[in-house]
């Protein structure tokens, strides 16, 4: 067990900005923030949506090494470790815990009812039992959520069907078939049925299993693959994109990081913008507002990103009408 996993983006940026004066923060006060994620520790030089969280906090006057201490815990893709890691953070008595992803949100909530928790991301905290309601969270948790409900999943599958009119079999990869993932799998099943598309569900928790997963997709003659959102999947975006290309498998995602790594399409939120807003909620809580009084925010702008280079490699002709609706086309 590593006592303190440093988030490489924080360390590098803090070194560069340590001399920047804080803006409006009490002099002499040193804040302690815990960060909990089911994903893997970012490697140096690898962009991560959560970088925007720390950048925005610096803009708001929080500088690690000056008035901020950050304790980071990554489960390295093993969600079963999250309760233990959440308990570690609680024992450090932070002023606040930031969580990334639904499993981390639940682990932190179960670990403490006293320390404020800000969800930097998550699927649906109401359906998952993390908060009482979006407008009135109650308790000690607030933050940001992804609206990956049936409507958004249906939209993703409709877009994929538009790009692949002959699609009749779809592989779906999820970290688990329990908890929140079970909800999203059911939504995906309902959406696929409406499109007359059959599903083959694959549970892929750790990155070594991706080779077997793609072999299973080929064996079941899947026409494409859709990934249920996961920080761990984003951390392995390049590996997944490379395997999809190698197996000539069109892919749909909820995060554009996958498309920038070589995946075909994504329809989802601008994650850096979500993390920046989460930082503002952190600032609000540290300044005294109770999480129970801060509504959980649900961003409403979704972006369609298409990797045209990948489409050409796969021999797919993206309809002009679909390209015209894309927010970004990667050439």
C-alpha atoms as a PDB file:
ATOM      1  CA  UNK A   1       0.000   0.000   0.000  1.00  0.00           C
ATOM      2  CA  UNK A   2       1.355   3.386  -0.999  1.00  0.00           C
ATOM      3  CA  UNK A   3       0.734   5.837   1.810  1.00  0.00           C
ATOM      4  CA  UNK A   4       0.244   8.780  -0.508  1.00  0.00           C
ATOM      5  CA  UNK A   5      -0.256   8.484  -4.249  1.00  0.00           C
ATOM      6  CA  UNK A   6       0.499  11.822  -5.776  1.00  0.00           C
ATOM      7  CA  UNK A   7      -1.562  12.825  -8.696  1.00  0.00           C
ATOM      8  CA  UNK A   8       1.147  13.667 -11.239  1.00  0.00           C
ATOM      9  CA  UNK A   9      -0.795  16.523 -12.773  1.00  0.00           C
ATOM     10  CA  UNK A  10      -1.099  18.212  -9.368  1.00  0.00           C
ATOM     11  CA  UNK A  11       2.562  17.847  -8.592  1.00  0.00           C
ATOM     12  CA  UNK A  12       3.753  19.246 -11.898  1.00  0.00           C
ATOM     13  CA  UNK A  13       1.343  22.142 -11.996  1.00  0.00           C
ATOM     14  CA  UNK A  14       1.774  23.055  -8.339  1.00  0.00           C
ATOM     15  CA  UNK A  15       5.526  23.297  -8.789  1.00  0.00           C
ATOM     16  CA  UNK A  16       4.969  25.783 -11.578  1.00  0.00           C
ATOM     17  CA  UNK A  17       2.343  27.821  -9.741  1.00  0.00           C
ATOM     18  CA  UNK A  18       3.494  27.638  -6.140  1.00  0.00           C
ATOM     19  CA  UNK A  19       4.411  31.326  -6.139  1.00  0.00           C
ATOM     20  CA  UNK A  20       0.983  32.440  -7.372  1.00  0.00           C
ATOM     21  CA  UNK A  21      -0.744  34.375  -4.574  1.00  0.00           C
ATOM     22  CA  UNK A  22      -4.025  32.980  -3.334  1.00  0.00           C
ATOM     23  CA  UNK A  23      -7.233  34.867  -4.102  1.00  0.00           C
ATOM     24  CA  UNK A  24      -9.524  35.508  -1.214  1.00  0.00           C
ATOM     25  CA  UNK A  25      -8.492  32.504   0.887  1.00  0.00           C
ATOM     26  CA  UNK A  26      -7.899  32.944   4.634  1.00  0.00           C
ATOM     27  CA  UNK A  27      -4.217  33.453   5.378  1.00  0.00           C
ATOM     28  CA  UNK A  28      -2.728  30.761   7.582  1.00  0.00           C
ATOM     29  CA  UNK A  29      -5.433  28.218   6.829  1.00  0.00           C
ATOM     30  CA  UNK A  30      -4.224  24.996   5.204  1.00  0.00           C
ATOM     31  CA  UNK A  31      -7.025  22.957   3.666  1.00  0.00           C
ATOM     32  CA  UNK A  32      -6.834  19.193   3.377  1.00  0.00           C
ATOM     33  CA  UNK A  33      -8.645  17.493   0.489  1.00  0.00           C
ATOM     34  CA  UNK A  34      -8.921  13.778  -0.174  1.00  0.00           C
ATOM     35  CA  UNK A  35      -9.380  12.457  -3.717  1.00  0.00           C
ATOM     36  CA  UNK A  36     -10.817   8.985  -4.339  1.00  0.00           C
ATOM     37  CA  UNK A  37     -11.041   7.224  -7.700  1.00  0.00           C
ATOM     38  CA  UNK A  38     -11.584   3.674  -8.893  1.00  0.00           C
ATOM     39  CA  UNK A  39      -9.276   4.402 -11.824  1.00  0.00           C
ATOM     40  CA  UNK A  40      -5.546   4.002 -12.229  1.00  0.00           C
ATOM     41  CA  UNK A  41      -2.840   6.477 -11.287  1.00  0.00           C
ATOM     42  CA  UNK A  42      -2.286   8.745 -14.324  1.00  0.00           C
ATOM     43  CA  UNK A  43       1.072   8.361 -16.019  1.00  0.00           C
ATOM     44  CA  UNK A  44       3.187  11.493 -16.593  1.00  0.00           C
ATOM     45  CA  UNK A  45       2.238  13.304 -19.769  1.00  0.00           C
ATOM     46  CA  UNK A  46      -1.123  11.548 -20.139  1.00  0.00           C
ATOM     47  CA  UNK A  47      -4.042  14.026 -20.301  1.00  0.00           C
ATOM     48  CA  UNK A  48      -6.777  13.354 -17.777  1.00  0.00           C
ATOM     49  CA  UNK A  49     -10.148  15.152 -17.454  1.00  0.00           C
ATOM     50  CA  UNK A  50      -9.547  15.562 -13.708  1.00  0.00           C
ATOM     51  CA  UNK A  51      -6.600  17.858 -14.476  1.00  0.00           C
ATOM     52  CA  UNK A  52      -9.232  20.564 -14.935  1.00  0.00           C
ATOM     53  CA  UNK A  53     -10.379  20.149 -11.324  1.00  0.00           C
ATOM     54  CA  UNK A  54      -6.958  20.980  -9.923  1.00  0.00           C
ATOM     55  CA  UNK A  55      -6.365  23.766 -12.438  1.00  0.00           C
ATOM     56  CA  UNK A  56      -9.627  25.460 -11.466  1.00  0.00           C
ATOM     57  CA  UNK A  57      -8.812  25.114  -7.756  1.00  0.00           C
ATOM     58  CA  UNK A  58      -5.497  26.861  -8.381  1.00  0.00           C
ATOM     59  CA  UNK A  59      -7.352  29.643 -10.167  1.00  0.00           C
ATOM     60  CA  UNK A  60      -9.583  29.937  -7.103  1.00  0.00           C
ATOM     61  CA  UNK A  61      -6.544  30.375  -4.869  1.00  0.00           C
ATOM     62  CA  UNK A  62      -5.719  26.876  -3.614  1.00  0.00           C
ATOM     63  CA  UNK A  63      -2.066  25.919  -4.090  1.00  0.00           C
ATOM     64  CA  UNK A  64      -0.644  22.607  -2.932  1.00  0.00           C
ATOM     65  CA  UNK A  65       2.382  23.276  -0.785  1.00  0.00           C
ATOM     66  CA  UNK A  66       1.014  26.657   0.284  1.00  0.00           C
ATOM     67  CA  UNK A  67      -2.562  26.441   1.581  1.00  0.00           C
ATOM     68  CA  UNK A  68      -3.544  22.998   0.336  1.00  0.00           C
ATOM     69  CA  UNK A  69      -2.692  19.391   1.181  1.00  0.00           C
ATOM     70  CA  UNK A  70      -4.020  16.713  -1.187  1.00  0.00           C
ATOM     71  CA  UNK A  71      -4.282  13.025  -0.302  1.00  0.00           C
ATOM     72  CA  UNK A  72      -4.993  10.901  -3.369  1.00  0.00           C
ATOM     73  CA  UNK A  73      -6.132   7.286  -3.484  1.00  0.00           C
ATOM     74  CA  UNK A  74      -6.549   5.310  -6.702  1.00  0.00           C
ATOM     75  CA  UNK A  75      -8.040   1.815  -6.598  1.00  0.00           C
ATOM     76  CA  UNK A  76      -6.024   0.958  -9.736  1.00  0.00           C
ATOM     77  CA  UNK A  77      -9.104  -0.479 -11.399  1.00  0.00           C
ATOM     78  CA  UNK A  78     -10.023  -2.698  -8.446  1.00  0.00           C
ATOM     79  CA  UNK A  79     -13.307  -1.326  -7.123  1.00  0.00           C
ATOM     80  CA  UNK A  80     -13.299  -3.793  -4.231  1.00  0.00           C
ATOM     81  CA  UNK A  81     -10.481  -1.727  -2.678  1.00  0.00           C
ATOM     82  CA  UNK A  82     -12.521   1.473  -2.565  1.00  0.00           C
ATOM     83  CA  UNK A  83     -14.037   0.978   0.936  1.00  0.00           C
ATOM     84  CA  UNK A  84     -10.550   0.439   2.387  1.00  0.00           C
ATOM     85  CA  UNK A  85      -9.159   3.485   0.562  1.00  0.00           C
ATOM     86  CA  UNK A  86     -12.116   5.637   1.594  1.00  0.00           C
ATOM     87  CA  UNK A  87     -11.535   4.641   5.213  1.00  0.00           C
ATOM     88  CA  UNK A  88      -7.867   5.630   4.871  1.00  0.00           C
ATOM     89  CA  UNK A  89      -8.865   9.086   3.674  1.00  0.00           C
ATOM     90  CA  UNK A  90     -11.373   9.509   6.489  1.00  0.00           C
ATOM     91  CA  UNK A  91      -8.678   8.685   9.056  1.00  0.00           C
ATOM     92  CA  UNK A  92      -6.608  11.576   7.668  1.00  0.00           C
ATOM     93  CA  UNK A  93      -9.444  13.930   8.707  1.00  0.00           C
ATOM     94  CA  UNK A  94      -9.662  15.983   5.520  1.00  0.00           C
ATOM     95  CA  UNK A  95     -11.834  19.079   5.256  1.00  0.00           C
ATOM     96  CA  UNK A  96     -13.481  17.544   2.196  1.00  0.00           C
ATOM     97  CA  UNK A  97     -13.310  14.463  -0.039  1.00  0.00           C
ATOM     98  CA  UNK A  98     -13.608  14.678  -3.828  1.00  0.00           C
ATOM     99  CA  UNK A  99     -14.815  11.488  -5.502  1.00  0.00           C
ATOM    100  CA  UNK A 100     -14.601  10.410  -9.112  1.00  0.00           C
ATOM    101  CA  UNK A 101     -17.094   7.883 -10.423  1.00  0.00           C
ATOM    102  CA  UNK A 102     -20.133   6.137  -8.971  1.00  0.00           C
ATOM    103  CA  UNK A 103     -18.279   3.367  -7.057  1.00  0.00           C
ATOM    104  CA  UNK A 104     -16.077   5.984  -5.377  1.00  0.00           C
ATOM    105  CA  UNK A 105     -19.092   8.131  -4.521  1.00  0.00           C
ATOM    106  CA  UNK A 106     -20.756   5.228  -2.729  1.00  0.00           C
ATOM    107  CA  UNK A 107     -17.567   4.130  -0.962  1.00  0.00           C
ATOM    108  CA  UNK A 108     -16.965   7.618   0.432  1.00  0.00           C
ATOM    109  CA  UNK A 109     -20.593   8.027   1.498  1.00  0.00           C
ATOM    110  CA  UNK A 110     -20.433   4.711   3.343  1.00  0.00           C
ATOM    111  CA  UNK A 111     -17.168   5.720   5.019  1.00  0.00           C
ATOM    112  CA  UNK A 112     -18.333   9.007   6.533  1.00  0.00           C
ATOM    113  CA  UNK A 113     -21.508  10.937   7.265  1.00  0.00           C
ATOM    114  CA  UNK A 114     -19.619  13.930   8.659  1.00  0.00           C
ATOM    115  CA  UNK A 115     -16.913  14.925   6.157  1.00  0.00           C
ATOM    116  CA  UNK A 116     -18.289  16.855   3.146  1.00  0.00           C
ATOM    117  CA  UNK A 117     -18.099  14.956  -0.144  1.00  0.00           C
ATOM    118  CA  UNK A 118     -18.143  16.542  -3.597  1.00  0.00           C
ATOM    119  CA  UNK A 119     -18.740  14.169  -6.488  1.00  0.00           C
ATOM    120  CA  UNK A 120     -16.571  15.294  -9.393  1.00  0.00           C
ATOM    121  CA  UNK A 121     -18.417  12.792 -11.558  1.00  0.00           C
ATOM    122  CA  UNK A 122     -20.928  10.005 -11.277  1.00  0.00           C
ATOM    123  CA  UNK A 123     -23.840   8.495 -13.121  1.00  0.00           C
ATOM    124  CA  UNK A 124     -27.088   8.942 -11.183  1.00  0.00           C
ATOM    125  CA  UNK A 125     -26.608   9.432  -7.419  1.00  0.00           C
ATOM    126  CA  UNK A 126     -30.355   9.280  -6.746  1.00  0.00           C
ATOM    127  CA  UNK A 127     -30.856   5.918  -8.442  1.00  0.00           C
ATOM    128  CA  UNK A 128     -27.696   4.679  -6.748  1.00  0.00           C
ATOM    129  CA  UNK A 129     -28.782   5.867  -3.297  1.00  0.00           C
ATOM    130  CA  UNK A 130     -25.981   8.403  -2.732  1.00  0.00           C
ATOM    131  CA  UNK A 131     -28.277  11.433  -2.301  1.00  0.00           C
ATOM    132  CA  UNK A 132     -31.961  11.809  -1.436  1.00  0.00           C
ATOM    133  CA  UNK A 133     -32.713  14.005  -4.456  1.00  0.00           C
ATOM    134  CA  UNK A 134     -30.880  16.260  -6.880  1.00  0.00           C
ATOM    135  CA  UNK A 135     -32.505  19.457  -5.641  1.00  0.00           C
ATOM    136  CA  UNK A 136     -32.149  18.574  -1.937  1.00  0.00           C
ATOM    137  CA  UNK A 137     -29.255  16.131  -1.541  1.00  0.00           C
ATOM    138  CA  UNK A 138     -29.449  16.015   2.259  1.00  0.00           C
ATOM    139  CA  UNK A 139     -26.561  14.543   4.205  1.00  0.00           C
ATOM    140  CA  UNK A 140     -22.957  15.345   3.356  1.00  0.00           C
ATOM    141  CA  UNK A 141     -22.811  14.726  -0.409  1.00  0.00           C
ATOM    142  CA  UNK A 142     -23.271  17.013  -3.414  1.00  0.00           C
ATOM    143  CA  UNK A 143     -21.518  17.524  -6.728  1.00  0.00           C
ATOM    144  CA  UNK A 144     -21.831  16.666 -10.400  1.00  0.00           C
ATOM    145  CA  UNK A 145     -23.608  13.823 -12.158  1.00  0.00           C
ATOM    146  CA  UNK A 146     -23.665  12.380 -15.662  1.00  0.00           C
ATOM    147  CA  UNK A 147     -27.147  12.006 -17.090  1.00  0.00           C
ATOM    148  CA  UNK A 148     -26.426   8.611 -18.627  1.00  0.00           C
ATOM    149  CA  UNK A 149     -30.047   7.667 -18.315  1.00  0.00           C
ATOM    150  CA  UNK A 150     -32.090   5.745 -20.848  1.00  0.00           C
ATOM    151  CA  UNK A 151     -32.538   8.838 -23.030  1.00  0.00           C
ATOM    152  CA  UNK A 152     -28.806   9.488 -23.382  1.00  0.00           C
ATOM    153  CA  UNK A 153     -27.989   5.821 -23.923  1.00  0.00           C
ATOM    154  CA  UNK A 154     -30.750   5.620 -26.538  1.00  0.00           C
ATOM    155  CA  UNK A 155     -29.248   8.653 -28.286  1.00  0.00           C
ATOM    156  CA  UNK A 156     -25.815   7.025 -28.379  1.00  0.00           C
ATOM    157  CA  UNK A 157     -27.183   3.840 -29.870  1.00  0.00           C
ATOM    158  CA  UNK A 158     -29.263   5.785 -32.394  1.00  0.00           C
ATOM    159  CA  UNK A 159     -26.170   7.689 -33.528  1.00  0.00           C
ATOM    160  CA  UNK A 160     -24.212   4.454 -33.802  1.00  0.00           C
ATOM    161  CA  UNK A 161     -27.051   2.887 -35.802  1.00  0.00           C
ATOM    162  CA  UNK A 162     -27.062   5.895 -38.097  1.00  0.00           C
ATOM    163  CA  UNK A 163     -23.351   5.391 -38.752  1.00  0.00           C
ATOM    164  CA  UNK A 164     -23.832   1.615 -39.103  1.00  0.00           C
ATOM    165  CA  UNK A 165     -27.306   1.100 -40.630  1.00  0.00           C
ATOM    166  CA  UNK A 166     -26.803  -2.680 -40.835  1.00  0.00           C
ATOM    167  CA  UNK A 167     -25.862  -3.050 -37.158  1.00  0.00           C
ATOM    168  CA  UNK A 168     -27.843  -5.919 -35.637  1.00  0.00           C
ATOM    169  CA  UNK A 169     -25.509  -7.176 -32.876  1.00  0.00           C
ATOM    170  CA  UNK A 170     -23.938  -4.911 -30.280  1.00  0.00           C
ATOM    171  CA  UNK A 171     -21.339  -5.826 -27.656  1.00  0.00           C
ATOM    172  CA  UNK A 172     -21.637  -3.870 -24.400  1.00  0.00           C
ATOM    173  CA  UNK A 173     -18.735  -3.660 -21.963  1.00  0.00           C
ATOM    174  CA  UNK A 174     -19.341  -2.795 -18.307  1.00  0.00           C
ATOM    175  CA  UNK A 175     -17.256  -2.970 -15.144  1.00  0.00           C
ATOM    176  CA  UNK A 176     -19.936  -4.986 -13.343  1.00  0.00           C
ATOM    177  CA  UNK A 177     -23.448  -6.330 -13.656  1.00  0.00           C
ATOM    178  CA  UNK A 178     -24.348  -5.056 -10.188  1.00  0.00           C
ATOM    179  CA  UNK A 179     -25.231  -1.712  -8.626  1.00  0.00           C
ATOM    180  CA  UNK A 180     -25.239   1.278 -10.942  1.00  0.00           C
ATOM    181  CA  UNK A 181     -23.843  -0.733 -13.848  1.00  0.00           C
ATOM    182  CA  UNK A 182     -26.873  -3.024 -13.714  1.00  0.00           C
ATOM    183  CA  UNK A 183     -29.092   0.027 -14.168  1.00  0.00           C
ATOM    184  CA  UNK A 184     -27.178   1.232 -17.216  1.00  0.00           C
ATOM    185  CA  UNK A 185     -27.086  -2.254 -18.724  1.00  0.00           C
ATOM    186  CA  UNK A 186     -30.868  -2.485 -18.405  1.00  0.00           C
ATOM    187  CA  UNK A 187     -31.233   0.940 -20.059  1.00  0.00           C
ATOM    188  CA  UNK A 188     -28.915  -0.197 -22.854  1.00  0.00           C
ATOM    189  CA  UNK A 189     -30.910  -3.384 -23.339  1.00  0.00           C
ATOM    190  CA  UNK A 190     -34.160  -1.419 -23.627  1.00  0.00           C
ATOM    191  CA  UNK A 191     -32.627   1.061 -26.074  1.00  0.00           C
ATOM    192  CA  UNK A 192     -31.130  -1.707 -28.218  1.00  0.00           C
ATOM    193  CA  UNK A 193     -34.436  -3.576 -28.321  1.00  0.00           C
ATOM    194  CA  UNK A 194     -36.146  -0.454 -29.675  1.00  0.00           C
ATOM    195  CA  UNK A 195     -33.609  -0.455 -32.524  1.00  0.00           C
ATOM    196  CA  UNK A 196     -34.034  -4.196 -33.133  1.00  0.00           C
ATOM    197  CA  UNK A 197     -30.418  -4.768 -32.061  1.00  0.00           C
ATOM    198  CA  UNK A 198     -29.368  -7.771 -29.957  1.00  0.00           C
ATOM    199  CA  UNK A 199     -26.853  -7.369 -27.113  1.00  0.00           C
ATOM    200  CA  UNK A 200     -23.873  -9.361 -25.914  1.00  0.00           C
ATOM    201  CA  UNK A 201     -22.809  -8.145 -22.456  1.00  0.00           C
ATOM    202  CA  UNK A 202     -19.170  -8.399 -21.405  1.00  0.00           C
ATOM    203  CA  UNK A 203     -17.962  -7.719 -17.859  1.00  0.00           C
ATOM    204  CA  UNK A 204     -14.478  -6.221 -18.149  1.00  0.00           C
ATOM    205  CA  UNK A 205     -13.047  -4.893 -14.887  1.00  0.00           C
ATOM    206  CA  UNK A 206      -9.289  -5.031 -15.327  1.00  0.00           C
ATOM    207  CA  UNK A 207      -7.284  -4.045 -18.384  1.00  0.00           C
ATOM    208  CA  UNK A 208      -5.689  -7.511 -18.944  1.00  0.00           C
ATOM    209  CA  UNK A 209      -9.168  -8.820 -19.804  1.00  0.00           C
ATOM    210  CA  UNK A 210      -9.594  -6.597 -22.854  1.00  0.00           C
ATOM    211  CA  UNK A 211      -7.884  -9.024 -25.233  1.00  0.00           C
ATOM    212  CA  UNK A 212     -10.329 -11.762 -24.248  1.00  0.00           C
ATOM    213  CA  UNK A 213     -13.213  -9.299 -24.434  1.00  0.00           C
ATOM    214  CA  UNK A 214     -12.496  -8.383 -28.036  1.00  0.00           C
ATOM    215  CA  UNK A 215     -12.025 -12.042 -28.912  1.00  0.00           C
ATOM    216  CA  UNK A 216     -15.514 -12.658 -27.506  1.00  0.00           C
ATOM    217  CA  UNK A 217     -16.919  -9.779 -29.555  1.00  0.00           C
ATOM    218  CA  UNK A 218     -15.513 -11.309 -32.720  1.00  0.00           C
ATOM    219  CA  UNK A 219     -16.765 -14.771 -31.761  1.00  0.00           C
ATOM    220  CA  UNK A 220     -20.315 -13.463 -31.272  1.00  0.00           C
ATOM    221  CA  UNK A 221     -20.088 -11.525 -34.556  1.00  0.00           C
ATOM    222  CA  UNK A 222     -20.769  -8.171 -32.908  1.00  0.00           C
ATOM    223  CA  UNK A 223     -21.049  -5.279 -35.350  1.00  0.00           C
ATOM    224  CA  UNK A 224     -19.858  -2.703 -32.813  1.00  0.00           C
ATOM    225  CA  UNK A 225     -19.098  -2.164 -29.132  1.00  0.00           C
ATOM    226  CA  UNK A 226     -20.489   0.341 -26.629  1.00  0.00           C
ATOM    227  CA  UNK A 227     -18.714   0.989 -23.314  1.00  0.00           C
ATOM    228  CA  UNK A 228     -20.571   1.942 -20.137  1.00  0.00           C
ATOM    229  CA  UNK A 229     -18.685   4.915 -18.686  1.00  0.00           C
ATOM    230  CA  UNK A 230     -15.894   4.233 -16.209  1.00  0.00           C
ATOM    231  CA  UNK A 231     -12.821   6.216 -15.069  1.00  0.00           C
ATOM    232  CA  UNK A 232     -10.845   2.998 -15.425  1.00  0.00           C
ATOM    233  CA  UNK A 233     -11.932   2.642 -19.045  1.00  0.00           C
ATOM    234  CA  UNK A 234     -10.870   6.221 -19.747  1.00  0.00           C
ATOM    235  CA  UNK A 235      -7.487   5.504 -18.161  1.00  0.00           C
ATOM    236  CA  UNK A 236      -7.027   2.698 -20.712  1.00  0.00           C
ATOM    237  CA  UNK A 237      -8.530   4.603 -23.641  1.00  0.00           C
ATOM    238  CA  UNK A 238      -5.508   4.086 -25.917  1.00  0.00           C
ATOM    239  CA  UNK A 239      -5.354   0.341 -25.238  1.00  0.00           C
ATOM    240  CA  UNK A 240      -9.078  -0.052 -25.910  1.00  0.00           C
ATOM    241  CA  UNK A 241      -8.940   2.053 -29.075  1.00  0.00           C
ATOM    242  CA  UNK A 242      -5.940   0.116 -30.396  1.00  0.00           C
ATOM    243  CA  UNK A 243      -7.663  -3.215 -29.764  1.00  0.00           C
ATOM    244  CA  UNK A 244     -10.853  -1.972 -31.421  1.00  0.00           C
ATOM    245  CA  UNK A 245      -8.904  -0.938 -34.511  1.00  0.00           C
ATOM    246  CA  UNK A 246      -6.885  -4.145 -34.578  1.00  0.00           C
ATOM    247  CA  UNK A 247     -10.122  -6.141 -34.433  1.00  0.00           C
ATOM    248  CA  UNK A 248     -11.870  -3.767 -36.859  1.00  0.00           C
ATOM    249  CA  UNK A 249     -14.581  -3.073 -34.300  1.00  0.00           C
ATOM    250  CA  UNK A 250     -16.525   0.229 -34.493  1.00  0.00           C
ATOM    251  CA  UNK A 251     -16.951   1.768 -31.060  1.00  0.00           C
ATOM    252  CA  UNK A 252     -19.238   4.181 -29.207  1.00  0.00           C
ATOM    253  CA  UNK A 253     -18.372   5.871 -25.917  1.00  0.00           C
ATOM    254  CA  UNK A 254     -19.696   8.380 -23.450  1.00  0.00           C
ATOM    255  CA  UNK A 255     -16.362  10.232 -23.136  1.00  0.00           C
ATOM    256  CA  UNK A 256     -14.492  11.888 -26.001  1.00  0.00           C
ATOM    257  CA  UNK A 257     -11.131  10.858 -24.517  1.00  0.00           C
ATOM    258  CA  UNK A 258     -11.767   7.473 -26.136  1.00  0.00           C
ATOM    259  CA  UNK A 259     -12.302   9.053 -29.554  1.00  0.00           C
ATOM    260  CA  UNK A 260      -9.177  11.181 -29.263  1.00  0.00           C
ATOM    261  CA  UNK A 261      -7.311   7.959 -28.497  1.00  0.00           C
ATOM    262  CA  UNK A 262      -8.620   6.367 -31.709  1.00  0.00           C
ATOM    263  CA  UNK A 263     -12.173   5.234 -30.966  1.00  0.00           C
ATOM    264  CA  UNK A 264     -14.898   5.909 -33.525  1.00  0.00           C
ATOM    265  CA  UNK A 265     -17.605   7.978 -31.831  1.00  0.00           C
ATOM    266  CA  UNK A 266     -18.651   9.494 -28.536  1.00  0.00           C
ATOM    267  CA  UNK A 267     -21.710  11.327 -27.325  1.00  0.00           C
ATOM    268  CA  UNK A 268     -21.310  12.801 -23.900  1.00  0.00           C
ATOM    269  CA  UNK A 269     -20.351  15.671 -21.682  1.00  0.00           C
ATOM    270  CA  UNK A 270     -17.295  17.852 -21.932  1.00  0.00           C
ATOM    271  CA  UNK A 271     -15.559  16.225 -18.956  1.00  0.00           C
ATOM    272  CA  UNK A 272     -12.968  18.960 -18.273  1.00  0.00           C
ATOM    273  CA  UNK A 273     -15.837  21.463 -18.010  1.00  0.00           C
ATOM    274  CA  UNK A 274     -17.612  19.152 -15.539  1.00  0.00           C
ATOM    275  CA  UNK A 275     -14.488  18.864 -13.388  1.00  0.00           C
ATOM    276  CA  UNK A 276     -13.961  22.630 -13.443  1.00  0.00           C
ATOM    277  CA  UNK A 277     -17.472  23.115 -12.135  1.00  0.00           C
ATOM    278  CA  UNK A 278     -16.852  20.490  -9.457  1.00  0.00           C
ATOM    279  CA  UNK A 279     -13.880  22.575  -8.272  1.00  0.00           C
ATOM    280  CA  UNK A 280     -16.198  25.547  -7.840  1.00  0.00           C
ATOM    281  CA  UNK A 281     -18.491  23.422  -5.680  1.00  0.00           C
ATOM    282  CA  UNK A 282     -15.465  22.373  -3.608  1.00  0.00           C
ATOM    283  CA  UNK A 283     -14.646  26.050  -3.093  1.00  0.00           C
ATOM    284  CA  UNK A 284     -18.241  26.746  -2.083  1.00  0.00           C
ATOM    285  CA  UNK A 285     -18.232  23.982   0.538  1.00  0.00           C
ATOM    286  CA  UNK A 286     -14.852  25.005   1.951  1.00  0.00           C
ATOM    287  CA  UNK A 287     -16.210  28.528   2.354  1.00  0.00           C
ATOM    288  CA  UNK A 288     -19.000  27.232   4.573  1.00  0.00           C
ATOM    289  CA  UNK A 289     -21.986  26.107   2.489  1.00  0.00           C
ATOM    290  CA  UNK A 290     -23.322  22.719   3.555  1.00  0.00           C
ATOM    291  CA  UNK A 291     -23.442  20.017   0.859  1.00  0.00           C
ATOM    292  CA  UNK A 292     -27.053  19.325   1.862  1.00  0.00           C
ATOM    293  CA  UNK A 293     -27.933  22.830   0.662  1.00  0.00           C
ATOM    294  CA  UNK A 294     -26.162  22.593  -2.717  1.00  0.00           C
ATOM    295  CA  UNK A 295     -28.245  20.918  -5.459  1.00  0.00           C
ATOM    296  CA  UNK A 296     -26.491  18.186  -7.416  1.00  0.00           C
ATOM    297  CA  UNK A 297     -25.788  19.611 -10.870  1.00  0.00           C
ATOM    298  CA  UNK A 298     -26.549  17.832 -14.101  1.00  0.00           C
ATOM    299  CA  UNK A 299     -24.863  19.377 -17.156  1.00  0.00           C
ATOM    300  CA  UNK A 300     -27.185  19.592 -20.140  1.00  0.00           C
ATOM    301  CA  UNK A 301     -24.861  20.100 -23.114  1.00  0.00           C
ATOM    302  CA  UNK A 302     -23.785  16.904 -24.815  1.00  0.00           C
ATOM    303  CA  UNK A 303     -21.235  16.759 -27.604  1.00  0.00           C
ATOM    304  CA  UNK A 304     -20.954  14.381 -30.547  1.00  0.00           C
ATOM    305  CA  UNK A 305     -17.335  13.683 -31.524  1.00  0.00           C
ATOM    306  CA  UNK A 306     -16.439  11.541 -34.535  1.00  0.00           C
ATOM    307  CA  UNK A 307     -12.993  10.270 -35.480  1.00  0.00           C
ATOM    308  CA  UNK A 308     -13.093  10.341 -39.277  1.00  0.00           C
ATOM    309  CA  UNK A 309      -9.593   8.898 -39.526  1.00  0.00           C
ATOM    310  CA  UNK A 310     -10.735   5.825 -37.589  1.00  0.00           C
ATOM    311  CA  UNK A 311     -13.844   5.550 -39.746  1.00  0.00           C
ATOM    312  CA  UNK A 312     -11.682   5.447 -42.872  1.00  0.00           C
ATOM    313  CA  UNK A 313      -9.421   2.760 -41.387  1.00  0.00           C
ATOM    314  CA  UNK A 314     -12.512   0.687 -40.571  1.00  0.00           C
ATOM    315  CA  UNK A 315     -13.950   1.250 -44.038  1.00  0.00           C
ATOM    316  CA  UNK A 316     -16.994   3.081 -42.671  1.00  0.00           C
ATOM    317  CA  UNK A 317     -18.586   5.944 -44.570  1.00  0.00           C
ATOM    318  CA  UNK A 318     -20.092   8.348 -42.057  1.00  0.00           C
ATOM    319  CA  UNK A 319     -23.270   9.899 -43.514  1.00  0.00           C
ATOM    320  CA  UNK A 320     -22.843  13.628 -44.283  1.00  0.00           C
ATOM    321  CA  UNK A 321     -25.957  14.372 -42.206  1.00  0.00           C
ATOM    322  CA  UNK A 322     -24.252  12.838 -39.164  1.00  0.00           C
ATOM    323  CA  UNK A 323     -20.965  14.665 -39.769  1.00  0.00           C
ATOM    324  CA  UNK A 324     -22.891  17.929 -40.054  1.00  0.00           C
ATOM    325  CA  UNK A 325     -24.346  17.415 -36.567  1.00  0.00           C
ATOM    326  CA  UNK A 326     -20.999  16.579 -34.947  1.00  0.00           C
ATOM    327  CA  UNK A 327     -19.565  19.091 -32.515  1.00  0.00           C
ATOM    328  CA  UNK A 328     -16.079  17.951 -33.507  1.00  0.00           C
ATOM    329  CA  UNK A 329     -14.714  15.813 -36.326  1.00  0.00           C
ATOM    330  CA  UNK A 330     -11.203  14.463 -35.820  1.00  0.00           C
ATOM    331  CA  UNK A 331      -9.478  14.176 -39.195  1.00  0.00           C
END
